[in-house]
Amino acid sequence: MNTQKVELFGERLVNMLNEGALAHMLSIGHQTGLFDKMAILPPATSHQIAEATGLNERYVREWLNGLTVGTILTYDSEQETYKLPAENAALLTRAAGAENMALYMQ
């Protein structure tokens, strides 16, 4: 057995899992309206975002952190605020119309 091929395939599977989880979180952001709200908010804390969307702060925080690690959102550690960059919002919000890629992540 070629161990290098096994390792490469294992890496590919891990990448698939990571990207699949990220796609699921994009779907959640679309379905809950989190992306739409974050696109119009200034940088905000998880509490502020949860309050603005009427969602549970704990779940919002977990979602925010996952998308920050996935480089979809930015995080300011000094202010403890999250931001959806305009460039990403252009493809993840309802305002994007037919270019809203979050629609296809379900």
N, C-alpha and C. Protein backbone atom coordinates (compact mmCIF):
# COMPACT_ATOMS: atom_id res chain seq x y z
N MET A 1 0.85 -1.18 0.00
CA MET A 1 0.00 0.00 0.00
C MET A 1 0.90 1.24 0.00
N ASN A 2 0.50 2.22 -0.78
CA ASN A 2 1.25 3.48 -0.89
C ASN A 2 0.79 4.41 0.23
N THR A 3 1.61 4.55 1.27
CA THR A 3 1.22 5.37 2.43
C THR A 3 1.09 6.85 2.08
N GLN A 4 1.84 7.32 1.10
CA GLN A 4 1.72 8.72 0.69
C GLN A 4 0.33 8.99 0.10
N LYS A 5 -0.17 8.05 -0.70
CA LYS A 5 -1.52 8.20 -1.26
C LYS A 5 -2.58 8.16 -0.17
N VAL A 6 -2.37 7.30 0.82
CA VAL A 6 -3.30 7.23 1.95
C VAL A 6 -3.34 8.57 2.68
N GLU A 7 -2.17 9.13 2.94
CA GLU A 7 -2.09 10.42 3.64
C GLU A 7 -2.75 11.53 2.83
N LEU A 8 -2.49 11.57 1.53
CA LEU A 8 -3.10 12.59 0.67
C LEU A 8 -4.61 12.46 0.64
N PHE A 9 -5.09 11.22 0.55
CA PHE A 9 -6.54 11.01 0.54
C PHE A 9 -7.14 11.40 1.89
N GLY A 10 -6.45 11.07 2.97
CA GLY A 10 -6.91 11.48 4.30
C GLY A 10 -7.01 12.99 4.43
N GLU A 11 -6.02 13.71 3.92
CA GLU A 11 -6.06 15.17 3.93
C GLU A 11 -7.25 15.69 3.12
N ARG A 12 -7.48 15.06 1.97
CA ARG A 12 -8.62 15.46 1.14
C ARG A 12 -9.93 15.28 1.88
N LEU A 13 -10.08 14.16 2.59
CA LEU A 13 -11.31 13.91 3.34
C LEU A 13 -11.50 14.92 4.47
N VAL A 14 -10.42 15.24 5.17
CA VAL A 14 -10.50 16.24 6.25
C VAL A 14 -10.91 17.59 5.67
N ASN A 15 -10.33 17.97 4.53
CA ASN A 15 -10.71 19.23 3.88
C ASN A 15 -12.18 19.23 3.49
N MET A 16 -12.67 18.10 2.99
CA MET A 16 -14.10 17.99 2.64
C MET A 16 -14.97 18.21 3.86
N LEU A 17 -14.60 17.59 4.96
CA LEU A 17 -15.37 17.75 6.20
C LEU A 17 -15.37 19.20 6.66
N ASN A 18 -14.21 19.83 6.63
CA ASN A 18 -14.12 21.23 7.05
C ASN A 18 -14.95 22.14 6.16
N GLU A 19 -14.82 21.99 4.86
CA GLU A 19 -15.57 22.83 3.93
C GLU A 19 -17.07 22.54 4.02
N GLY A 20 -17.43 21.28 4.23
CA GLY A 20 -18.84 20.93 4.39
C GLY A 20 -19.45 21.58 5.62
N ALA A 21 -18.70 21.59 6.72
CA ALA A 21 -19.18 22.24 7.94
C ALA A 21 -19.33 23.73 7.71
N LEU A 22 -18.39 24.32 7.00
CA LEU A 22 -18.46 25.75 6.70
C LEU A 22 -19.67 26.05 5.81
N ALA A 23 -19.93 25.20 4.83
CA ALA A 23 -21.09 25.39 3.97
C ALA A 23 -22.38 25.34 4.79
N HIS A 24 -22.43 24.43 5.75
CA HIS A 24 -23.61 24.34 6.61
C HIS A 24 -23.79 25.62 7.42
N MET A 25 -22.69 26.18 7.93
CA MET A 25 -22.79 27.42 8.69
C MET A 25 -23.20 28.59 7.80
N LEU A 26 -22.81 28.57 6.53
CA LEU A 26 -23.27 29.60 5.60
C LEU A 26 -24.78 29.49 5.41
N SER A 27 -25.28 28.28 5.32
CA SER A 27 -26.72 28.07 5.19
C SER A 27 -27.45 28.60 6.42
N ILE A 28 -26.91 28.33 7.60
CA ILE A 28 -27.53 28.84 8.83
C ILE A 28 -27.57 30.36 8.82
N GLY A 29 -26.48 30.98 8.38
CA GLY A 29 -26.44 32.44 8.31
C GLY A 29 -27.49 33.01 7.38
N HIS A 30 -27.74 32.31 6.29
CA HIS A 30 -28.78 32.74 5.35
C HIS A 30 -30.17 32.54 5.95
N GLN A 31 -30.44 31.33 6.44
CA GLN A 31 -31.77 30.99 6.94
C GLN A 31 -32.20 31.83 8.13
N THR A 32 -31.26 32.21 8.98
CA THR A 32 -31.59 32.99 10.18
C THR A 32 -31.57 34.49 9.94
N GLY A 33 -31.08 34.92 8.79
CA GLY A 33 -30.97 36.36 8.52
C GLY A 33 -29.74 37.00 9.14
N LEU A 34 -28.84 36.19 9.70
CA LEU A 34 -27.64 36.73 10.32
C LEU A 34 -26.78 37.51 9.33
N PHE A 35 -26.60 36.99 8.13
CA PHE A 35 -25.79 37.71 7.15
C PHE A 35 -26.42 39.04 6.78
N ASP A 36 -27.72 39.05 6.56
CA ASP A 36 -28.40 40.29 6.19
C ASP A 36 -28.25 41.34 7.29
N LYS A 37 -28.40 40.92 8.52
CA LYS A 37 -28.28 41.86 9.64
C LYS A 37 -26.84 42.34 9.80
N MET A 38 -25.89 41.41 9.72
CA MET A 38 -24.49 41.79 9.90
C MET A 38 -24.00 42.72 8.80
N ALA A 39 -24.59 42.61 7.62
CA ALA A 39 -24.17 43.48 6.51
C ALA A 39 -24.48 44.94 6.78
N ILE A 40 -25.49 45.20 7.61
CA ILE A 40 -25.86 46.60 7.89
C ILE A 40 -25.40 47.08 9.26
N LEU A 41 -24.94 46.16 10.09
CA LEU A 41 -24.45 46.55 11.42
C LEU A 41 -22.99 47.01 11.34
N PRO A 42 -22.61 47.94 12.21
CA PRO A 42 -21.17 48.20 12.37
C PRO A 42 -20.56 46.99 13.09
N PRO A 43 -19.25 46.93 13.23
CA PRO A 43 -18.67 45.83 14.00
C PRO A 43 -19.41 45.70 15.34
N ALA A 44 -19.78 44.46 15.69
CA ALA A 44 -20.65 44.25 16.85
C ALA A 44 -20.21 43.02 17.64
N THR A 45 -20.55 43.01 18.92
CA THR A 45 -20.28 41.86 19.77
C THR A 45 -21.31 40.76 19.49
N SER A 46 -21.04 39.58 19.99
CA SER A 46 -22.00 38.49 19.83
C SER A 46 -23.32 38.83 20.51
N HIS A 47 -23.26 39.53 21.63
CA HIS A 47 -24.49 39.94 22.32
C HIS A 47 -25.30 40.91 21.47
N GLN A 48 -24.63 41.87 20.85
CA GLN A 48 -25.32 42.85 20.01
C GLN A 48 -25.94 42.19 18.78
N ILE A 49 -25.22 41.27 18.19
CA ILE A 49 -25.73 40.59 17.00
C ILE A 49 -26.91 39.70 17.37
N ALA A 50 -26.81 38.99 18.48
CA ALA A 50 -27.92 38.15 18.94
C ALA A 50 -29.15 39.00 19.23
N GLU A 51 -28.95 40.13 19.88
CA GLU A 51 -30.08 41.01 20.20
C GLU A 51 -30.71 41.57 18.93
N ALA A 52 -29.89 41.95 17.97
CA ALA A 52 -30.40 42.52 16.72
C ALA A 52 -31.18 41.51 15.89
N THR A 53 -30.87 40.22 16.06
CA THR A 53 -31.55 39.18 15.28
C THR A 53 -32.59 38.41 16.07
N GLY A 54 -32.62 38.63 17.38
CA GLY A 54 -33.57 37.90 18.22
C GLY A 54 -33.19 36.44 18.42
N LEU A 55 -31.90 36.14 18.28
CA LEU A 55 -31.43 34.76 18.42
C LEU A 55 -30.68 34.57 19.73
N ASN A 56 -30.49 33.33 20.11
CA ASN A 56 -29.79 32.98 21.34
C ASN A 56 -28.31 33.33 21.21
N GLU A 57 -27.79 34.11 22.15
CA GLU A 57 -26.41 34.60 22.08
C GLU A 57 -25.40 33.46 22.03
N ARG A 58 -25.60 32.42 22.79
CA ARG A 58 -24.64 31.31 22.80
C ARG A 58 -24.49 30.69 21.42
N TYR A 59 -25.61 30.45 20.75
CA TYR A 59 -25.55 29.84 19.42
C TYR A 59 -24.98 30.81 18.40
N VAL A 60 -25.33 32.08 18.53
CA VAL A 60 -24.79 33.10 17.63
C VAL A 60 -23.27 33.17 17.80
N ARG A 61 -22.80 33.15 19.03
CA ARG A 61 -21.35 33.22 19.30
C ARG A 61 -20.62 32.03 18.67
N GLU A 62 -21.19 30.83 18.82
CA GLU A 62 -20.56 29.65 18.23
C GLU A 62 -20.51 29.77 16.71
N TRP A 63 -21.59 30.26 16.12
CA TRP A 63 -21.65 30.46 14.68
C TRP A 63 -20.62 31.51 14.25
N LEU A 64 -20.56 32.62 14.95
CA LEU A 64 -19.59 33.68 14.64
C LEU A 64 -18.16 33.15 14.70
N ASN A 65 -17.85 32.39 15.73
CA ASN A 65 -16.49 31.87 15.87
C ASN A 65 -16.14 30.89 14.76
N GLY A 66 -17.09 30.05 14.37
CA GLY A 66 -16.84 29.12 13.28
C GLY A 66 -16.56 29.84 11.97
N LEU A 67 -17.32 30.89 11.70
CA LEU A 67 -17.12 31.62 10.45
C LEU A 67 -15.90 32.52 10.51
N THR A 68 -15.48 32.88 11.70
CA THR A 68 -14.23 33.64 11.83
C THR A 68 -13.05 32.73 11.51
N VAL A 69 -13.06 31.53 12.07
CA VAL A 69 -12.00 30.56 11.77
C VAL A 69 -12.00 30.23 10.28
N GLY A 70 -13.18 30.19 9.67
CA GLY A 70 -13.31 29.91 8.25
C GLY A 70 -13.01 31.10 7.37
N THR A 71 -12.60 32.20 7.94
CA THR A 71 -12.24 33.46 7.27
C THR A 71 -13.39 34.10 6.48
N ILE A 72 -14.61 33.86 6.91
CA ILE A 72 -15.78 34.51 6.32
C ILE A 72 -16.03 35.83 7.03
N LEU A 73 -15.85 35.84 8.34
CA LEU A 73 -16.02 37.04 9.16
C LEU A 73 -14.66 37.49 9.68
N THR A 74 -14.59 38.75 10.11
CA THR A 74 -13.39 39.24 10.79
C THR A 74 -13.73 39.47 12.26
N TYR A 75 -12.70 39.41 13.09
CA TYR A 75 -12.87 39.58 14.53
C TYR A 75 -11.82 40.54 15.05
N ASP A 76 -12.26 41.53 15.83
CA ASP A 76 -11.37 42.47 16.50
C ASP A 76 -11.26 42.02 17.95
N SER A 77 -10.12 41.45 18.31
CA SER A 77 -9.97 40.89 19.66
C SER A 77 -9.93 41.97 20.74
N GLU A 78 -9.50 43.17 20.41
CA GLU A 78 -9.48 44.24 21.41
C GLU A 78 -10.89 44.72 21.73
N GLN A 79 -11.71 44.87 20.71
CA GLN A 79 -13.09 45.34 20.89
C GLN A 79 -14.07 44.19 21.08
N GLU A 80 -13.61 42.96 20.81
CA GLU A 80 -14.45 41.76 20.86
C GLU A 80 -15.66 41.89 19.93
N THR A 81 -15.39 42.39 18.71
CA THR A 81 -16.46 42.59 17.74
C THR A 81 -16.20 41.79 16.47
N TYR A 82 -17.29 41.44 15.82
CA TYR A 82 -17.27 40.69 14.57
C TYR A 82 -17.79 41.59 13.46
N LYS A 83 -17.32 41.34 12.24
CA LYS A 83 -17.78 42.10 11.08
C LYS A 83 -17.85 41.18 9.87
N LEU A 84 -18.90 41.34 9.09
CA LEU A 84 -19.00 40.69 7.80
C LEU A 84 -18.45 41.69 6.78
N PRO A 85 -17.27 41.42 6.21
CA PRO A 85 -16.71 42.37 5.25
C PRO A 85 -17.66 42.59 4.07
N ALA A 86 -17.69 43.80 3.56
CA ALA A 86 -18.59 44.15 2.45
C ALA A 86 -18.37 43.23 1.25
N GLU A 87 -17.12 42.85 1.01
CA GLU A 87 -16.81 41.98 -0.12
C GLU A 87 -17.46 40.61 0.03
N ASN A 88 -17.54 40.12 1.26
CA ASN A 88 -18.19 38.83 1.51
C ASN A 88 -19.71 38.99 1.53
N ALA A 89 -20.18 40.10 2.08
CA ALA A 89 -21.63 40.36 2.12
C ALA A 89 -22.19 40.43 0.70
N ALA A 90 -21.38 40.87 -0.24
CA ALA A 90 -21.83 40.99 -1.63
C ALA A 90 -22.25 39.66 -2.23
N LEU A 91 -21.81 38.56 -1.61
CA LEU A 91 -22.15 37.23 -2.12
C LEU A 91 -22.91 36.37 -1.11
N LEU A 92 -23.27 36.95 0.05
CA LEU A 92 -23.90 36.15 1.10
C LEU A 92 -25.22 36.71 1.63
N THR A 93 -25.71 37.79 1.07
CA THR A 93 -26.93 38.41 1.59
C THR A 93 -28.04 38.39 0.55
N ARG A 94 -29.24 38.59 1.01
CA ARG A 94 -30.38 38.64 0.10
C ARG A 94 -30.26 39.81 -0.87
N ALA A 95 -29.57 40.86 -0.46
CA ALA A 95 -29.36 42.01 -1.34
C ALA A 95 -28.53 41.63 -2.57
N ALA A 96 -27.81 40.53 -2.50
CA ALA A 96 -27.00 40.07 -3.63
C ALA A 96 -27.86 39.48 -4.74
N GLY A 97 -29.13 39.24 -4.45
CA GLY A 97 -30.03 38.68 -5.45
C GLY A 97 -29.56 37.32 -5.93
N ALA A 98 -29.47 37.18 -7.24
CA ALA A 98 -29.08 35.90 -7.84
C ALA A 98 -27.65 35.51 -7.52
N GLU A 99 -26.84 36.45 -7.05
CA GLU A 99 -25.45 36.16 -6.72
C GLU A 99 -25.28 35.73 -5.26
N ASN A 100 -26.37 35.57 -4.54
CA ASN A 100 -26.33 35.14 -3.14
C ASN A 100 -25.96 33.66 -3.08
N MET A 101 -24.69 33.39 -2.84
CA MET A 101 -24.21 32.01 -2.81
C MET A 101 -24.66 31.24 -1.58
N ALA A 102 -25.04 31.95 -0.52
CA ALA A 102 -25.50 31.27 0.70
C ALA A 102 -26.76 30.44 0.42
N LEU A 103 -27.52 30.84 -0.58
CA LEU A 103 -28.73 30.10 -0.96
C LEU A 103 -28.42 28.65 -1.34
N TYR A 104 -27.27 28.45 -1.93
CA TYR A 104 -26.92 27.14 -2.48
C TYR A 104 -26.19 26.24 -1.49
N MET A 105 -26.01 26.70 -0.28
CA MET A 105 -25.23 25.95 0.70
C MET A 105 -26.09 24.97 1.50
N GLN A 106 -27.37 24.87 1.20
CA GLN A 106 -28.27 24.03 1.99
C GLN A 106 -28.13 22.57 1.63
